[in-house]
């Protein structure tokens, strides 16, 4: 549990510095220790959104909503992921 907290805090620090790839990696390490902790999934989804990895963000949010069906952050970030995917589809269609 101590390692989990340390990794999560390191991920949070990376987010504050705008280092989203590093933060996502820390949150991924957290998930290896505890797959039921929803905050690391919503945090990693935020990183993926910042990195324009919309499908990955949507998957993390879907996972959270299977565990906590009323998680507001997961709903909000999944909506942002869907919006990003729609914009990407329109841009590809325009090429």
Protein backbone atom coordinates (compact mmCIF):
# COMPACT_ATOMS: atom_id res chain seq x y z
CA UNK A 1 0.00 0.00 0.00
CA UNK A 2 2.88 2.35 0.78
CA UNK A 3 4.39 1.82 -2.69
CA UNK A 4 0.99 2.49 -4.26
CA UNK A 5 0.68 5.84 -2.45
CA UNK A 6 4.22 6.84 -3.37
CA UNK A 7 3.65 6.05 -7.07
CA UNK A 8 0.32 7.86 -7.09
CA UNK A 9 1.87 10.95 -5.49
CA UNK A 10 4.72 10.86 -8.00
CA UNK A 11 2.13 10.70 -10.78
CA UNK A 12 0.27 13.64 -9.27
CA UNK A 13 3.52 15.63 -9.11
CA UNK A 14 4.23 14.90 -12.78
CA UNK A 15 0.71 16.12 -13.69
CA UNK A 16 1.35 19.39 -11.83
CA UNK A 17 4.54 19.83 -13.88
CA UNK A 18 2.73 19.05 -17.15
CA UNK A 19 4.71 15.82 -17.63
CA UNK A 20 1.70 13.75 -18.69
CA UNK A 21 3.53 10.80 -20.23
CA UNK A 22 5.56 10.25 -17.04
CA UNK A 23 2.44 10.68 -14.91
CA UNK A 24 0.52 8.11 -16.99
CA UNK A 25 3.39 5.67 -16.49
CA UNK A 26 3.26 6.14 -12.70
CA UNK A 27 -0.50 5.60 -12.67
CA UNK A 28 -0.05 2.46 -14.79
CA UNK A 29 2.39 1.14 -12.18
CA UNK A 30 -0.22 1.87 -9.50
CA UNK A 31 -2.75 -0.23 -11.41
CA UNK A 32 -0.46 -3.25 -11.23
CA UNK A 33 -0.72 -2.98 -7.43
CA UNK A 34 -4.45 -2.19 -7.19
CA UNK A 35 -6.88 -2.53 -10.10
CA UNK A 36 -9.88 -1.33 -8.08
CA UNK A 37 -8.63 2.17 -7.17
CA UNK A 38 -10.68 4.41 -9.46
CA UNK A 39 -8.71 7.63 -8.94
CA UNK A 40 -5.63 6.31 -10.73
CA UNK A 41 -7.78 5.45 -13.75
CA UNK A 42 -9.42 8.88 -13.87
CA UNK A 43 -6.02 10.49 -13.34
CA UNK A 44 -4.48 8.46 -16.15
CA UNK A 45 -7.48 9.34 -18.33
CA UNK A 46 -6.67 13.02 -17.74
CA UNK A 47 -3.10 12.37 -18.88
CA UNK A 48 -4.30 10.55 -21.97
CA UNK A 49 -6.61 13.46 -22.82
CA UNK A 50 -3.70 15.88 -22.56
CA UNK A 51 -1.69 13.55 -24.83
CA UNK A 52 -4.57 13.32 -27.37
CA UNK A 53 -4.92 9.57 -26.66
CA UNK A 54 -8.69 9.68 -26.64
CA UNK A 55 -9.41 5.98 -27.07
CA UNK A 56 -7.17 5.12 -24.10
CA UNK A 57 -8.84 7.82 -22.00
CA UNK A 58 -12.27 6.44 -22.89
CA UNK A 59 -11.21 2.92 -21.91
CA UNK A 60 -9.97 4.08 -18.50
CA UNK A 61 -13.23 5.92 -17.88
CA UNK A 62 -15.26 2.90 -18.99
CA UNK A 63 -13.34 0.77 -16.48
CA UNK A 64 -14.10 3.21 -13.65
CA UNK A 65 -17.78 3.35 -14.54
CA UNK A 66 -17.99 -0.44 -14.32
CA UNK A 67 -16.78 -0.16 -10.72
CA UNK A 68 -18.45 3.14 -9.74
CA UNK A 69 -21.40 3.84 -12.03
CA UNK A 70 -21.83 7.40 -10.73
CA UNK A 71 -18.22 8.63 -10.87
CA UNK A 72 -18.55 12.21 -12.13
CA UNK A 73 -14.90 12.58 -13.19
CA UNK A 74 -15.14 9.41 -15.26
CA UNK A 75 -18.31 10.64 -16.99
CA UNK A 76 -16.79 14.05 -17.68
CA UNK A 77 -13.46 12.75 -18.95
CA UNK A 78 -15.17 10.10 -21.07
CA UNK A 79 -17.27 12.87 -22.65
CA UNK A 80 -14.05 14.78 -23.42
CA UNK A 81 -12.59 11.63 -24.94
CA UNK A 82 -15.66 11.15 -27.14
CA UNK A 83 -15.42 14.79 -28.20
CA UNK A 84 -11.76 14.32 -29.10
CA UNK A 85 -12.54 11.19 -31.08
CA UNK A 86 -15.29 13.02 -33.00
CA UNK A 87 -12.96 15.90 -33.86
CA UNK A 88 -10.33 13.44 -35.02
CA UNK A 89 -12.90 11.63 -37.21
CA UNK A 90 -13.95 14.92 -38.81
CA UNK A 91 -10.34 15.88 -39.49
CA UNK A 92 -9.57 12.51 -41.07
CA UNK A 93 -12.74 12.72 -43.19
CA UNK A 94 -11.63 16.14 -44.43
CA UNK A 95 -8.29 14.88 -45.72
